[in-house]
N, C-alpha and C. Protein backbone atom coordinates (compact mmCIF):
# COMPACT_ATOMS: atom_id res chain seq x y z
N MET A 1 102.80 119.98 129.66
CA MET A 1 103.38 118.90 128.88
C MET A 1 103.13 119.11 127.39
N LEU A 2 101.92 119.49 127.03
CA LEU A 2 101.59 119.74 125.63
C LEU A 2 102.39 120.92 125.09
N TYR A 3 102.57 121.94 125.93
CA TYR A 3 103.37 123.09 125.50
C TYR A 3 104.81 122.67 125.23
N LEU A 4 105.37 121.83 126.11
CA LEU A 4 106.75 121.37 125.95
C LEU A 4 106.92 120.55 124.67
N PHE A 5 105.98 119.64 124.44
CA PHE A 5 106.05 118.82 123.22
C PHE A 5 105.96 119.70 121.98
N THR A 6 105.03 120.64 121.99
CA THR A 6 104.84 121.52 120.84
C THR A 6 106.09 122.36 120.59
N GLN A 7 106.66 122.89 121.66
CA GLN A 7 107.87 123.69 121.53
C GLN A 7 109.02 122.85 120.96
N LYS A 8 109.15 121.62 121.44
CA LYS A 8 110.19 120.71 120.94
C LYS A 8 109.97 120.42 119.46
N GLN A 9 108.73 120.15 119.07
CA GLN A 9 108.43 119.85 117.66
C GLN A 9 108.74 121.06 116.77
N LEU A 10 108.39 122.24 117.24
CA LEU A 10 108.69 123.45 116.46
C LEU A 10 110.20 123.57 116.24
N GLY A 11 110.98 123.28 117.28
CA GLY A 11 112.43 123.32 117.16
C GLY A 11 112.95 122.29 116.17
N LEU A 12 112.38 121.09 116.21
CA LEU A 12 112.78 120.04 115.28
C LEU A 12 112.40 120.39 113.84
N ILE A 13 111.23 120.98 113.67
CA ILE A 13 110.79 121.42 112.35
C ILE A 13 111.74 122.49 111.82
N GLU A 14 112.10 123.43 112.67
CA GLU A 14 113.04 124.48 112.27
C GLU A 14 114.39 123.86 111.86
N LEU A 15 114.90 122.95 112.67
CA LEU A 15 116.18 122.30 112.35
C LEU A 15 116.10 121.56 111.02
N GLU A 16 114.99 120.88 110.78
CA GLU A 16 114.84 120.14 109.53
C GLU A 16 114.75 121.08 108.33
N LEU A 17 114.02 122.17 108.48
CA LEU A 17 113.97 123.16 107.40
C LEU A 17 115.37 123.69 107.10
N LYS A 18 116.14 123.94 108.14
CA LYS A 18 117.52 124.43 107.96
C LYS A 18 118.39 123.38 107.27
N SER A 19 118.27 122.13 107.72
CA SER A 19 119.11 121.08 107.14
C SER A 19 118.76 120.83 105.67
N LEU A 20 117.53 121.11 105.29
CA LEU A 20 117.10 120.95 103.89
C LEU A 20 117.41 122.18 103.04
N GLY A 21 117.94 123.22 103.69
CA GLY A 21 118.24 124.46 102.96
C GLY A 21 117.00 125.28 102.65
N LEU A 22 115.94 125.06 103.43
CA LEU A 22 114.67 125.75 103.19
C LEU A 22 114.43 126.91 104.16
N TRP A 23 115.37 127.17 105.05
CA TRP A 23 115.24 128.26 106.02
C TRP A 23 115.78 129.52 105.38
N SER A 24 114.97 130.54 105.31
CA SER A 24 115.35 131.76 104.62
C SER A 24 115.88 132.82 105.58
N SER A 25 116.89 133.54 105.13
CA SER A 25 117.41 134.64 105.94
C SER A 25 116.70 135.95 105.57
N GLN A 26 115.89 135.90 104.53
CA GLN A 26 115.21 137.11 104.07
C GLN A 26 113.72 137.03 104.38
N MET A 27 113.24 138.02 105.11
CA MET A 27 111.83 138.10 105.48
C MET A 27 111.00 138.47 104.24
N PRO A 28 109.88 137.76 104.04
CA PRO A 28 108.98 138.14 102.94
C PRO A 28 108.39 139.53 103.20
N SER A 29 107.80 140.10 102.18
CA SER A 29 107.19 141.42 102.32
C SER A 29 106.00 141.37 103.28
N ALA A 30 105.65 142.52 103.83
CA ALA A 30 104.49 142.61 104.71
C ALA A 30 103.23 142.18 103.96
N GLN A 31 103.16 142.51 102.69
CA GLN A 31 102.00 142.13 101.87
C GLN A 31 101.91 140.61 101.76
N ALA A 32 103.03 139.94 101.52
CA ALA A 32 103.03 138.48 101.43
C ALA A 32 102.63 137.85 102.76
N LEU A 33 103.12 138.41 103.85
CA LEU A 33 102.80 137.87 105.18
C LEU A 33 101.34 138.08 105.55
N ALA A 34 100.69 139.05 104.93
CA ALA A 34 99.29 139.35 105.22
C ALA A 34 98.33 138.57 104.32
N ASP A 35 98.85 137.72 103.46
CA ASP A 35 98.02 136.92 102.55
C ASP A 35 96.99 136.13 103.36
N PRO A 36 95.69 136.34 103.10
CA PRO A 36 94.66 135.68 103.90
C PRO A 36 94.33 134.25 103.46
N THR A 37 94.91 133.79 102.37
CA THR A 37 94.60 132.45 101.89
C THR A 37 95.19 131.40 102.84
N PRO A 38 94.63 130.18 102.85
CA PRO A 38 95.21 129.14 103.69
C PRO A 38 96.70 128.96 103.39
N PHE A 39 97.50 128.92 104.43
CA PHE A 39 98.95 128.77 104.33
C PHE A 39 99.59 129.92 103.52
N ALA A 40 98.87 131.03 103.37
CA ALA A 40 99.36 132.17 102.57
C ALA A 40 99.86 131.69 101.21
N CYS A 41 99.15 130.70 100.65
CA CYS A 41 99.65 129.98 99.48
C CYS A 41 99.75 130.81 98.21
N GLU A 42 99.09 131.95 98.18
CA GLU A 42 99.20 132.79 96.99
C GLU A 42 100.44 133.67 97.01
N SER A 43 101.10 133.78 98.17
CA SER A 43 102.26 134.66 98.31
C SER A 43 103.52 133.98 98.79
N LEU A 44 103.37 132.89 99.53
CA LEU A 44 104.53 132.25 100.17
C LEU A 44 104.60 130.78 99.79
N ALA A 45 105.82 130.26 99.74
CA ALA A 45 106.00 128.81 99.67
C ALA A 45 105.61 128.25 101.04
N PHE A 46 105.20 127.00 101.09
CA PHE A 46 104.77 126.40 102.34
C PHE A 46 105.85 126.49 103.42
N GLU A 47 107.11 126.27 103.03
CA GLU A 47 108.20 126.35 104.01
C GLU A 47 108.36 127.78 104.54
N GLN A 48 108.07 128.78 103.71
CA GLN A 48 108.11 130.18 104.18
C GLN A 48 106.98 130.42 105.17
N TRP A 49 105.81 129.88 104.87
CA TRP A 49 104.67 130.02 105.78
C TRP A 49 105.01 129.39 107.14
N LEU A 50 105.62 128.20 107.11
CA LEU A 50 106.02 127.56 108.36
C LEU A 50 106.98 128.45 109.14
N GLN A 51 107.99 128.98 108.45
CA GLN A 51 109.03 129.77 109.11
C GLN A 51 108.54 131.12 109.60
N PHE A 52 107.82 131.83 108.78
CA PHE A 52 107.51 133.23 109.09
C PHE A 52 106.13 133.46 109.70
N ILE A 53 105.24 132.49 109.60
CA ILE A 53 103.89 132.67 110.17
C ILE A 53 103.60 131.61 111.24
N PHE A 54 103.69 130.34 110.87
CA PHE A 54 103.28 129.29 111.79
C PHE A 54 104.17 129.18 113.03
N ILE A 55 105.46 129.03 112.83
CA ILE A 55 106.37 128.84 113.98
C ILE A 55 106.33 130.06 114.92
N PRO A 56 106.41 131.30 114.40
CA PRO A 56 106.32 132.45 115.32
C PRO A 56 104.98 132.52 116.07
N LYS A 57 103.88 132.24 115.37
CA LYS A 57 102.56 132.30 116.02
C LYS A 57 102.45 131.24 117.11
N MET A 58 102.90 130.02 116.81
CA MET A 58 102.85 128.95 117.81
C MET A 58 103.78 129.25 118.98
N SER A 59 104.93 129.82 118.69
CA SER A 59 105.87 130.19 119.77
C SER A 59 105.26 131.25 120.68
N GLU A 60 104.53 132.17 120.09
CA GLU A 60 103.84 133.21 120.87
C GLU A 60 102.76 132.58 121.76
N ILE A 61 102.00 131.65 121.22
CA ILE A 61 100.97 130.95 121.99
C ILE A 61 101.61 130.23 123.17
N ILE A 62 102.72 129.55 122.93
CA ILE A 62 103.42 128.82 124.00
C ILE A 62 103.93 129.78 125.06
N ALA A 63 104.55 130.87 124.63
CA ALA A 63 105.10 131.85 125.58
C ALA A 63 104.02 132.46 126.45
N GLN A 64 102.86 132.70 125.87
CA GLN A 64 101.76 133.32 126.62
C GLN A 64 100.87 132.29 127.31
N LYS A 65 101.15 131.01 127.06
CA LYS A 65 100.36 129.91 127.64
C LYS A 65 98.87 130.06 127.33
N THR A 66 98.56 130.52 126.11
CA THR A 66 97.17 130.58 125.68
C THR A 66 96.82 129.27 124.99
N SER A 67 95.60 129.12 124.58
CA SER A 67 95.12 127.85 124.03
C SER A 67 95.80 127.48 122.71
N LEU A 68 96.34 126.28 122.70
CA LEU A 68 96.93 125.75 121.47
C LEU A 68 95.79 125.32 120.54
N PRO A 69 96.02 125.36 119.23
CA PRO A 69 94.97 124.90 118.32
C PRO A 69 94.65 123.43 118.59
N THR A 70 93.41 123.06 118.37
CA THR A 70 92.98 121.69 118.65
C THR A 70 92.82 120.84 117.40
N LYS A 71 92.78 121.45 116.27
CA LYS A 71 92.68 120.68 115.02
C LYS A 71 93.57 121.34 113.98
N ILE A 72 94.70 120.71 113.74
CA ILE A 72 95.57 121.22 112.69
C ILE A 72 95.86 120.09 111.71
N ALA A 73 96.18 120.45 110.50
CA ALA A 73 96.47 119.46 109.46
C ALA A 73 97.54 120.02 108.53
N LEU A 74 98.76 120.04 109.04
CA LEU A 74 99.88 120.52 108.24
C LEU A 74 100.44 119.42 107.35
N ALA A 75 100.50 118.20 107.86
CA ALA A 75 101.11 117.10 107.12
C ALA A 75 100.42 116.84 105.78
N PRO A 76 99.09 116.88 105.69
CA PRO A 76 98.48 116.65 104.37
C PRO A 76 98.93 117.67 103.32
N MET A 77 99.09 118.92 103.72
CA MET A 77 99.57 119.93 102.78
C MET A 77 101.02 119.62 102.39
N ALA A 78 101.84 119.27 103.37
CA ALA A 78 103.24 118.94 103.10
C ALA A 78 103.33 117.71 102.18
N GLU A 79 102.51 116.71 102.45
CA GLU A 79 102.51 115.51 101.60
C GLU A 79 102.09 115.84 100.18
N TYR A 80 101.09 116.67 100.04
CA TYR A 80 100.62 117.08 98.72
C TYR A 80 101.74 117.79 97.94
N LEU A 81 102.41 118.71 98.61
CA LEU A 81 103.45 119.50 97.94
C LEU A 81 104.73 118.71 97.67
N TRP A 82 105.09 117.84 98.60
CA TRP A 82 106.41 117.22 98.56
C TRP A 82 106.37 115.70 98.38
N GLN A 83 105.25 115.16 97.91
CA GLN A 83 105.11 113.71 97.83
C GLN A 83 106.19 113.03 96.97
N GLU A 84 106.71 113.72 96.00
CA GLU A 84 107.71 113.14 95.11
C GLU A 84 109.15 113.36 95.62
N ARG A 85 109.31 114.04 96.74
CA ARG A 85 110.64 114.40 97.23
C ARG A 85 110.98 113.60 98.49
N SER A 86 111.75 112.55 98.33
CA SER A 86 112.06 111.65 99.46
C SER A 86 112.81 112.37 100.58
N GLU A 87 113.58 113.41 100.25
CA GLU A 87 114.33 114.13 101.28
C GLU A 87 113.41 114.88 102.25
N MET A 88 112.14 115.02 101.89
CA MET A 88 111.18 115.74 102.73
C MET A 88 110.46 114.83 103.72
N ARG A 89 110.72 113.52 103.67
CA ARG A 89 110.00 112.56 104.53
C ARG A 89 110.08 112.91 106.01
N GLN A 90 111.26 113.28 106.50
CA GLN A 90 111.43 113.57 107.92
C GLN A 90 110.63 114.81 108.32
N LEU A 91 110.65 115.82 107.48
CA LEU A 91 109.88 117.03 107.77
C LEU A 91 108.38 116.71 107.81
N ILE A 92 107.92 115.94 106.85
CA ILE A 92 106.51 115.54 106.83
C ILE A 92 106.17 114.74 108.09
N PHE A 93 107.07 113.84 108.49
CA PHE A 93 106.87 113.05 109.71
C PHE A 93 106.74 113.95 110.93
N LEU A 94 107.62 114.95 111.05
CA LEU A 94 107.57 115.87 112.19
C LEU A 94 106.26 116.66 112.20
N LEU A 95 105.83 117.11 111.04
CA LEU A 95 104.57 117.85 110.95
C LEU A 95 103.40 116.95 111.32
N ASN A 96 103.45 115.70 110.89
CA ASN A 96 102.39 114.75 111.22
C ASN A 96 102.32 114.49 112.72
N GLN A 97 103.48 114.37 113.36
CA GLN A 97 103.50 114.18 114.82
C GLN A 97 102.83 115.36 115.52
N LEU A 98 103.12 116.56 115.07
CA LEU A 98 102.52 117.75 115.66
C LEU A 98 101.01 117.76 115.42
N ASP A 99 100.60 117.45 114.20
CA ASP A 99 99.17 117.36 113.88
C ASP A 99 98.46 116.41 114.83
N GLU A 100 99.01 115.21 114.97
CA GLU A 100 98.38 114.17 115.79
C GLU A 100 98.30 114.60 117.25
N CYS A 101 99.37 115.14 117.76
CA CYS A 101 99.39 115.54 119.16
C CYS A 101 98.36 116.63 119.46
N LEU A 102 98.33 117.67 118.63
CA LEU A 102 97.43 118.79 118.88
C LEU A 102 95.97 118.44 118.56
N SER A 103 95.75 117.43 117.73
CA SER A 103 94.39 117.08 117.34
C SER A 103 93.76 116.02 118.26
N GLU A 104 94.55 115.48 119.20
CA GLU A 104 94.00 114.50 120.15
C GLU A 104 93.02 115.20 121.09
N PRO A 105 91.97 114.48 121.50
CA PRO A 105 91.04 115.08 122.48
C PRO A 105 91.78 115.41 123.77
N ARG A 106 91.42 116.56 124.35
CA ARG A 106 92.07 116.99 125.60
C ARG A 106 91.07 117.01 126.72
């Protein structure tokens, strides 16, 4: 059930990124993708991190049925970055739903 919810949320996040025009057709460099900072913030925009690192990694976890993360906090970063942009509210909401679901005790 948790895998299904997570997979659905990832799909909704992807759709929202696309509808906002934030989905990129160009892959960042290998160097940018290897950025060890939180959210690869020194090399990637947050939406790029979601698209090229977070969503693929979570999709891999779901496909392999390995342990999902138990404490994530994507929404606070999204709120910090996009607090002045009302068009980002739905994306922040979707990220918050994922945060809450994965951070609940299991």
